[in-house]
Protein backbone atom coordinates (compact mmCIF):
# COMPACT_ATOMS: atom_id res chain seq x y z
CA MET A 1 23.56 -20.24 24.50
CA ALA A 2 20.31 -19.30 22.87
CA ASP A 3 20.64 -17.30 19.69
CA LYS A 4 19.23 -13.85 19.98
CA ALA A 5 16.69 -13.02 17.31
CA LYS A 6 18.05 -10.43 14.95
CA LYS A 7 16.03 -7.26 14.82
CA LYS A 8 15.28 -5.61 11.52
CA PRO A 9 17.56 -2.55 11.25
CA PRO A 10 15.80 0.83 11.32
CA ALA A 11 14.55 1.89 7.91
CA PRO A 12 16.31 4.81 6.29
CA GLY A 13 14.53 8.13 6.10
CA PRO A 14 14.63 10.46 3.11
CA ASP A 15 17.95 11.81 4.32
CA GLY A 16 19.45 8.29 4.28
CA LYS A 17 19.83 8.16 8.06
CA PRO A 18 18.02 5.48 10.07
CA CYS A 19 14.62 6.49 11.44
CA PRO A 20 14.18 6.12 15.19
CA SER A 21 12.11 3.18 16.40
CA ASP A 22 8.40 3.93 16.75
CA PRO A 23 6.29 1.37 18.70
CA THR A 24 2.98 2.51 17.17
CA MET A 25 4.33 2.27 13.64
CA GLU A 26 5.93 -1.10 14.41
CA LYS A 27 2.54 -2.41 15.53
CA ILE A 28 0.86 -1.07 12.39
CA LEU A 29 3.54 -2.67 10.21
CA SER A 30 3.06 -6.00 11.99
CA ILE A 31 -0.67 -5.85 11.17
CA ILE A 32 -0.58 -4.54 7.61
CA GLU A 33 2.57 -6.05 6.07
CA PRO A 34 1.54 -9.73 6.32
CA LYS A 35 -1.86 -8.95 4.83
CA LEU A 36 -0.32 -6.96 2.00
CA GLN A 37 2.41 -9.54 1.42
CA HIS A 38 4.71 -6.53 1.10
CA PHE A 39 7.31 -5.75 3.74
CA PHE A 40 8.37 -2.12 3.58
CA ASN A 41 12.00 -1.19 3.15
CA ARG A 42 10.97 2.41 3.76
CA PRO A 43 7.95 2.43 6.12
CA ILE A 44 7.77 6.22 5.88
CA TYR A 45 5.63 5.63 2.79
CA LEU A 46 3.08 3.64 4.77
CA ARG A 47 3.17 6.23 7.52
CA THR A 48 2.40 8.92 4.94
CA ALA A 49 -0.41 6.80 3.47
CA LEU A 50 -2.02 6.68 6.91
CA GLN A 51 -1.93 10.45 7.44
CA THR A 52 -5.66 11.10 7.71
CA THR A 53 -8.22 12.05 10.34
CA GLY A 54 -8.49 9.41 13.05
CA SER A 55 -5.25 7.70 12.11
CA PRO A 56 -3.10 6.24 14.87
CA VAL A 57 -0.07 7.93 13.32
CA GLN A 58 -1.48 11.37 12.51
CA ASP A 59 0.11 13.10 15.47
CA LEU A 60 3.52 11.47 15.17
CA ASP A 61 6.37 13.60 13.96
CA PRO A 62 7.93 12.53 10.69
CA PRO A 63 11.66 11.81 10.53
CA GLN A 64 13.82 14.87 10.20
CA GLY A 65 14.23 15.91 6.60
CA PHE A 66 10.85 14.50 5.51
CA TYR A 67 8.52 17.19 4.29
CA ARG A 68 5.34 17.10 6.39
CA PHE A 69 2.05 17.72 4.66
CA SER A 70 -0.94 18.81 6.68
CA ILE A 71 -3.38 16.16 7.91
CA ALA A 72 -5.92 17.66 5.48
CA GLU A 73 -3.55 16.92 2.58
CA GLY A 74 -2.41 13.75 4.30
CA ASN A 75 -2.47 10.79 2.02
CA ALA A 76 -4.10 12.41 -1.03
CA ARG A 77 -0.89 12.53 -3.09
CA LEU A 78 -0.12 8.86 -2.46
CA ALA A 79 -3.75 7.98 -3.26
CA VAL A 80 -3.30 9.38 -6.77
CA VAL A 81 -0.11 7.33 -7.15
CA GLY A 82 -1.91 4.23 -5.82
CA ASP A 83 -4.85 4.56 -8.20
CA LEU A 84 -2.50 4.85 -11.16
CA ALA A 85 -0.28 2.03 -9.83
CA ILE A 86 -3.28 -0.33 -9.65
CA ARG A 87 -4.23 0.48 -13.25
CA LEU A 88 -0.63 0.23 -14.48
CA THR A 89 -0.02 -3.10 -12.74
CA VAL A 90 -3.22 -4.66 -14.08
CA ALA A 91 -2.49 -3.28 -17.56
CA ASP A 92 1.04 -4.73 -17.40
CA TYR A 93 -0.35 -8.11 -16.31
CA TYR A 94 -2.83 -8.32 -19.20
CA TYR A 95 -0.44 -6.84 -21.76
CA SER A 96 2.14 -9.52 -20.95
CA ARG A 97 -0.53 -12.14 -21.66
CA GLY A 98 -1.32 -10.79 -25.12
CA ALA A 99 -4.61 -9.05 -24.37
CA ASP A 100 -5.76 -6.47 -26.88
CA GLY A 101 -5.93 -2.79 -25.96
CA SER A 102 -9.64 -2.75 -25.16
CA GLN A 103 -9.36 -5.76 -22.82
CA ILE A 104 -6.36 -4.17 -21.07
CA ALA A 105 -8.33 -0.95 -20.53
CA LEU A 106 -11.45 -2.80 -19.32
CA GLU A 107 -9.53 -4.98 -16.85
CA ALA A 108 -7.51 -2.06 -15.47
CA GLU A 109 -10.68 0.00 -15.02
CA ALA A 110 -12.57 -2.89 -13.36
CA VAL A 111 -9.89 -3.43 -10.71
CA ALA A 112 -9.68 0.27 -9.86
CA THR A 113 -13.40 0.71 -9.10
CA ASN A 114 -14.51 2.00 -5.73
CA ASP A 115 -16.11 -1.37 -4.90
CA SER A 116 -12.88 -3.24 -5.61
CA VAL A 117 -10.82 -0.77 -3.60
CA ARG A 118 -13.32 -0.92 -0.71
CA ARG A 119 -12.96 -4.73 -0.61
CA LEU A 120 -9.18 -4.35 -0.39
CA GLY A 121 -9.63 -2.01 2.59
CA GLU A 122 -11.96 -4.46 4.31
CA HIS A 123 -9.45 -7.26 3.76
CA LEU A 124 -6.73 -5.11 5.32
CA GLY A 125 -8.92 -4.47 8.37
CA LEU A 126 -8.45 -0.71 8.22
CA ASP A 127 -11.46 -0.04 10.44
CA ASP A 128 -9.85 -2.06 13.24
CA LEU A 129 -6.53 -0.33 12.64
CA PHE A 130 -8.08 3.12 12.85
CA ARG A 131 -9.70 2.24 16.17
CA MET A 132 -6.13 2.43 17.52
CA GLY A 133 -6.19 6.12 16.59
CA SER A 134 -7.20 9.14 18.56
CA GLY A 135 -10.59 9.63 16.94
CA SER A 136 -13.39 7.40 18.22
CA ALA A 137 -15.50 8.28 15.19
CA ALA A 138 -12.72 7.37 12.78
CA THR A 139 -14.58 4.37 11.44
CA ALA A 140 -17.88 6.19 11.18
CA ALA A 141 -16.80 9.02 8.92
CA GLY A 142 -13.46 10.33 10.15
CA TYR A 143 -11.36 8.93 7.36
CA ASP A 144 -11.85 8.14 3.73
CA LEU A 145 -11.42 4.39 3.28
CA LEU A 146 -11.04 4.58 -0.50
CA THR A 147 -8.39 7.31 -0.36
CA THR A 148 -6.50 5.47 2.39
CA VAL A 149 -6.49 2.14 0.52
CA ARG A 150 -5.29 3.83 -2.66
CA ALA A 151 -2.63 5.65 -0.62
CA ILE A 152 -1.44 2.35 0.87
CA VAL A 153 -1.13 0.88 -2.64
CA GLY A 154 0.74 4.06 -3.61
CA ALA A 155 3.07 3.50 -0.67
CA VAL A 156 3.71 -0.05 -1.87
CA PHE A 157 4.43 1.27 -5.38
CA CYS A 158 6.87 3.91 -4.08
CA ASP A 159 8.58 1.26 -1.95
CA GLY A 160 8.48 -1.77 -4.24
CA GLY A 161 7.44 -0.66 -7.73
CA VAL A 162 5.13 -2.58 -10.04
CA VAL A 163 6.39 -5.89 -8.63
CA GLY A 164 5.33 -4.85 -5.12
CA VAL A 165 1.86 -3.83 -6.29
CA ARG A 166 1.57 -7.01 -8.35
CA MET A 167 2.23 -9.13 -5.26
CA VAL A 168 -0.38 -7.16 -3.28
CA LEU A 169 -2.95 -7.75 -6.03
CA VAL A 170 -2.06 -11.46 -6.00
CA ALA A 171 -2.45 -11.56 -2.21
CA PHE A 172 -5.95 -10.09 -2.59
CA GLY A 173 -6.86 -12.52 -5.37
CA VAL A 174 -7.13 -9.79 -8.00
CA LEU A 175 -4.43 -11.34 -10.19
CA ASP A 176 -3.86 -15.06 -10.72
CA ALA A 177 -0.84 -16.19 -8.69
CA LYS A 178 -0.32 -19.24 -10.91
CA ARG A 179 0.14 -17.08 -13.97
CA ILE A 180 1.87 -14.10 -12.44
CA ASP A 181 5.37 -14.84 -13.71
CA MET A 182 4.40 -16.36 -17.06
CA PRO A 183 5.21 -13.91 -19.82
CA TYR A 184 3.03 -14.15 -22.89
CA PHE A 185 4.84 -15.34 -25.98
CA PRO A 186 2.60 -16.14 -28.94
CA LEU A 187 3.31 -19.41 -30.72
CA GLY A 188 5.55 -19.02 -33.72
CA SER A 189 7.41 -15.96 -32.47
């Protein structure tokens, strides 16, 4: 007998109960998770990050018990978390390697620039993803790429903490994968 492939159990919602299966969200996860190198335990965070005009998930109802923000508010809260998570993760990386305070600040600021964040969004293929949505002009001006990318990083942070964001930044080549787990210990300490 052929072994049946085990399906991933439904992710828990904020109330702890499993969320119902959602084919659109499953497709989005199958596109984004491998690129991020982060596989969501709680995909509701990614769903929230994608709540913006033109999104393929904007009209879907959230799981019961999850507070729904308007599409206008959408992913803005997670974008703030994502921006800070990028800076924190880069600062943590350079701090653990013995960088001085000014280098830590410079590196964290450099990674969080709009150009850097835009490149992350291009790598994720968000324009293609948003073509799945209801708005045909989504890629022209219907969504804010920078806010959405920051919100996705915020979703990773809420789901996987600094380690999750660190692995995303490694996947995008922002942090050096060879040195990612090497703590800095000065000689003679």
